[in-house]
Amino acid sequence: MKTLVGWHIEMEFQEDGDRTKSAAMVRLGDGTEMRGHGNAQRHHSDPEQLRVGEEISGARALMDLASQLLQKAHTEIDEASGRTSRPLM
């Protein structure tokens, strides 16, 4: 099987006290760039673990991207078929 396209995802994190924000960006083969965002907040009674905040906010940013990709695919299916398809989510 031949690979025709590869996607590259970039993740950035910003930590401020007990809050972690993340941004994910993917470049698709058609040149489209999509961005997803995620947040995490540590409960004041939890120990400080920066990696956990990154994992949670990063996962949320990727879930945001996944939702956008499903919507993009759904729209393209509808446009190509000329009818309304079932939601992909």
C-alpha atoms as a PDB file:
ATOM      1  CA  MET A   1       0.000   0.000   0.000  1.00  0.00           C
ATOM      2  CA  LYS A   2       1.332   3.403  -0.963  1.00  0.00           C
ATOM      3  CA  THR A   3       1.087   6.441   1.313  1.00  0.00           C
ATOM      4  CA  LEU A   4      -0.217   9.421  -0.603  1.00  0.00           C
ATOM      5  CA  VAL A   5      -0.358  12.019   2.138  1.00  0.00           C
ATOM      6  CA  GLY A   6       0.974  12.663   5.613  1.00  0.00           C
ATOM      7  CA  TRP A   7      -0.317  15.046   8.236  1.00  0.00           C
ATOM      8  CA  HIS A   8       1.843  16.945  10.676  1.00  0.00           C
ATOM      9  CA  ILE A   9       0.336  18.121  13.924  1.00  0.00           C
ATOM     10  CA  GLU A  10       1.954  20.833  16.016  1.00  0.00           C
ATOM     11  CA  MET A  11       1.106  21.283  19.694  1.00  0.00           C
ATOM     12  CA  GLU A  12       1.892  24.262  21.897  1.00  0.00           C
ATOM     13  CA  PHE A  13       1.270  24.637  25.609  1.00  0.00           C
ATOM     14  CA  GLN A  14       1.015  27.669  27.831  1.00  0.00           C
ATOM     15  CA  GLU A  15       1.042  27.185  31.578  1.00  0.00           C
ATOM     16  CA  ASP A  16      -0.002  29.840  34.046  1.00  0.00           C
ATOM     17  CA  GLY A  17      -0.222  28.745  37.655  1.00  0.00           C
ATOM     18  CA  ASP A  18      -2.804  25.970  37.880  1.00  0.00           C
ATOM     19  CA  ARG A  19      -4.053  26.450  34.302  1.00  0.00           C
ATOM     20  CA  THR A  20      -2.753  24.898  31.098  1.00  0.00           C
ATOM     21  CA  LYS A  21      -3.855  25.975  27.630  1.00  0.00           C
ATOM     22  CA  SER A  22      -2.990  24.133  24.468  1.00  0.00           C
ATOM     23  CA  ALA A  23      -3.275  24.747  20.757  1.00  0.00           C
ATOM     24  CA  ALA A  24      -3.034  22.055  18.095  1.00  0.00           C
ATOM     25  CA  MET A  25      -2.624  22.749  14.404  1.00  0.00           C
ATOM     26  CA  VAL A  26      -2.778  20.295  11.518  1.00  0.00           C
ATOM     27  CA  ARG A  27      -1.948  20.870   7.864  1.00  0.00           C
ATOM     28  CA  LEU A  28      -3.966  18.685   5.537  1.00  0.00           C
ATOM     29  CA  GLY A  29      -2.975  17.438   2.103  1.00  0.00           C
ATOM     30  CA  ASP A  30      -5.336  19.930   0.442  1.00  0.00           C
ATOM     31  CA  GLY A  31      -3.482  22.833   2.085  1.00  0.00           C
ATOM     32  CA  THR A  32      -6.117  23.427   4.755  1.00  0.00           C
ATOM     33  CA  GLU A  33      -4.855  24.358   8.211  1.00  0.00           C
ATOM     34  CA  MET A  34      -7.104  23.610  11.164  1.00  0.00           C
ATOM     35  CA  ARG A  35      -6.604  24.628  14.779  1.00  0.00           C
ATOM     36  CA  GLY A  36      -8.003  23.142  17.948  1.00  0.00           C
ATOM     37  CA  HIS A  37      -7.798  24.424  21.503  1.00  0.00           C
ATOM     38  CA  GLY A  38      -7.929  22.823  24.914  1.00  0.00           C
ATOM     39  CA  ASN A  39      -7.766  23.843  28.557  1.00  0.00           C
ATOM     40  CA  ALA A  40      -7.066  22.163  31.860  1.00  0.00           C
ATOM     41  CA  GLN A  41      -7.156  23.473  35.392  1.00  0.00           C
ATOM     42  CA  ARG A  42      -5.583  21.755  38.369  1.00  0.00           C
ATOM     43  CA  HIS A  43      -7.706  21.541  41.479  1.00  0.00           C
ATOM     44  CA  HIS A  44      -6.067  23.484  44.297  1.00  0.00           C
ATOM     45  CA  SER A  45      -5.773  20.326  46.435  1.00  0.00           C
ATOM     46  CA  ASP A  46      -3.967  18.321  43.710  1.00  0.00           C
ATOM     47  CA  PRO A  47      -0.161  18.188  43.553  1.00  0.00           C
ATOM     48  CA  GLU A  48       1.533  20.156  40.773  1.00  0.00           C
ATOM     49  CA  GLN A  49       2.149  17.891  37.771  1.00  0.00           C
ATOM     50  CA  LEU A  50       2.739  19.947  34.638  1.00  0.00           C
ATOM     51  CA  ARG A  51       2.738  16.882  32.404  1.00  0.00           C
ATOM     52  CA  VAL A  52      -0.796  15.948  33.482  1.00  0.00           C
ATOM     53  CA  GLY A  53      -2.108  19.424  32.607  1.00  0.00           C
ATOM     54  CA  GLU A  54      -0.434  19.155  29.205  1.00  0.00           C
ATOM     55  CA  GLU A  55      -1.924  15.716  28.602  1.00  0.00           C
ATOM     56  CA  ILE A  56      -5.444  16.823  29.504  1.00  0.00           C
ATOM     57  CA  SER A  57      -5.399  20.127  27.632  1.00  0.00           C
ATOM     58  CA  GLY A  58      -3.588  18.491  24.689  1.00  0.00           C
ATOM     59  CA  ALA A  59      -6.179  15.719  24.489  1.00  0.00           C
ATOM     60  CA  ARG A  60      -8.946  18.324  24.517  1.00  0.00           C
ATOM     61  CA  ALA A  61      -7.261  20.270  21.704  1.00  0.00           C
ATOM     62  CA  LEU A  62      -6.982  17.070  19.659  1.00  0.00           C
ATOM     63  CA  MET A  63     -10.652  16.261  20.337  1.00  0.00           C
ATOM     64  CA  ASP A  64     -11.517  19.748  19.072  1.00  0.00           C
ATOM     65  CA  LEU A  65      -9.491  19.057  15.914  1.00  0.00           C
ATOM     66  CA  ALA A  66     -11.144  15.648  15.500  1.00  0.00           C
ATOM     67  CA  SER A  67     -14.582  17.240  15.662  1.00  0.00           C
ATOM     68  CA  GLN A  68     -13.621  19.823  13.039  1.00  0.00           C
ATOM     69  CA  LEU A  69     -12.168  17.133  10.752  1.00  0.00           C
ATOM     70  CA  LEU A  70     -15.358  15.066  11.012  1.00  0.00           C
ATOM     71  CA  GLN A  71     -17.445  18.124  10.146  1.00  0.00           C
ATOM     72  CA  LYS A  72     -15.190  18.938   7.172  1.00  0.00           C
ATOM     73  CA  ALA A  73     -15.490  15.373   5.873  1.00  0.00           C
ATOM     74  CA  HIS A  74     -19.271  15.406   6.386  1.00  0.00           C
ATOM     75  CA  THR A  75     -19.602  18.654   4.414  1.00  0.00           C
ATOM     76  CA  GLU A  76     -17.430  17.288   1.584  1.00  0.00           C
ATOM     77  CA  ILE A  77     -19.533  14.106   1.409  1.00  0.00           C
ATOM     78  CA  ASP A  78     -22.724  16.188   1.175  1.00  0.00           C
ATOM     79  CA  GLU A  79     -21.274  18.458  -1.503  1.00  0.00           C
ATOM     80  CA  ALA A  80     -20.032  15.536  -3.603  1.00  0.00           C
ATOM     81  CA  SER A  81     -23.243  13.522  -3.314  1.00  0.00           C
ATOM     82  CA  GLY A  82     -25.725  16.400  -3.584  1.00  0.00           C
ATOM     83  CA  ARG A  83     -27.720  15.106  -0.647  1.00  0.00           C
ATOM     84  CA  THR A  84     -27.611  15.239   3.126  1.00  0.00           C
ATOM     85  CA  SER A  85     -25.679  12.366   4.656  1.00  0.00           C
ATOM     86  CA  ARG A  86     -25.844  10.993   8.162  1.00  0.00           C
ATOM     87  CA  PRO A  87     -23.638  12.800  10.657  1.00  0.00           C
ATOM     88  CA  LEU A  88     -20.214  11.229  11.136  1.00  0.00           C
ATOM     89  CA  MET A  89     -20.045  12.044  14.848  1.00  0.00           C
END
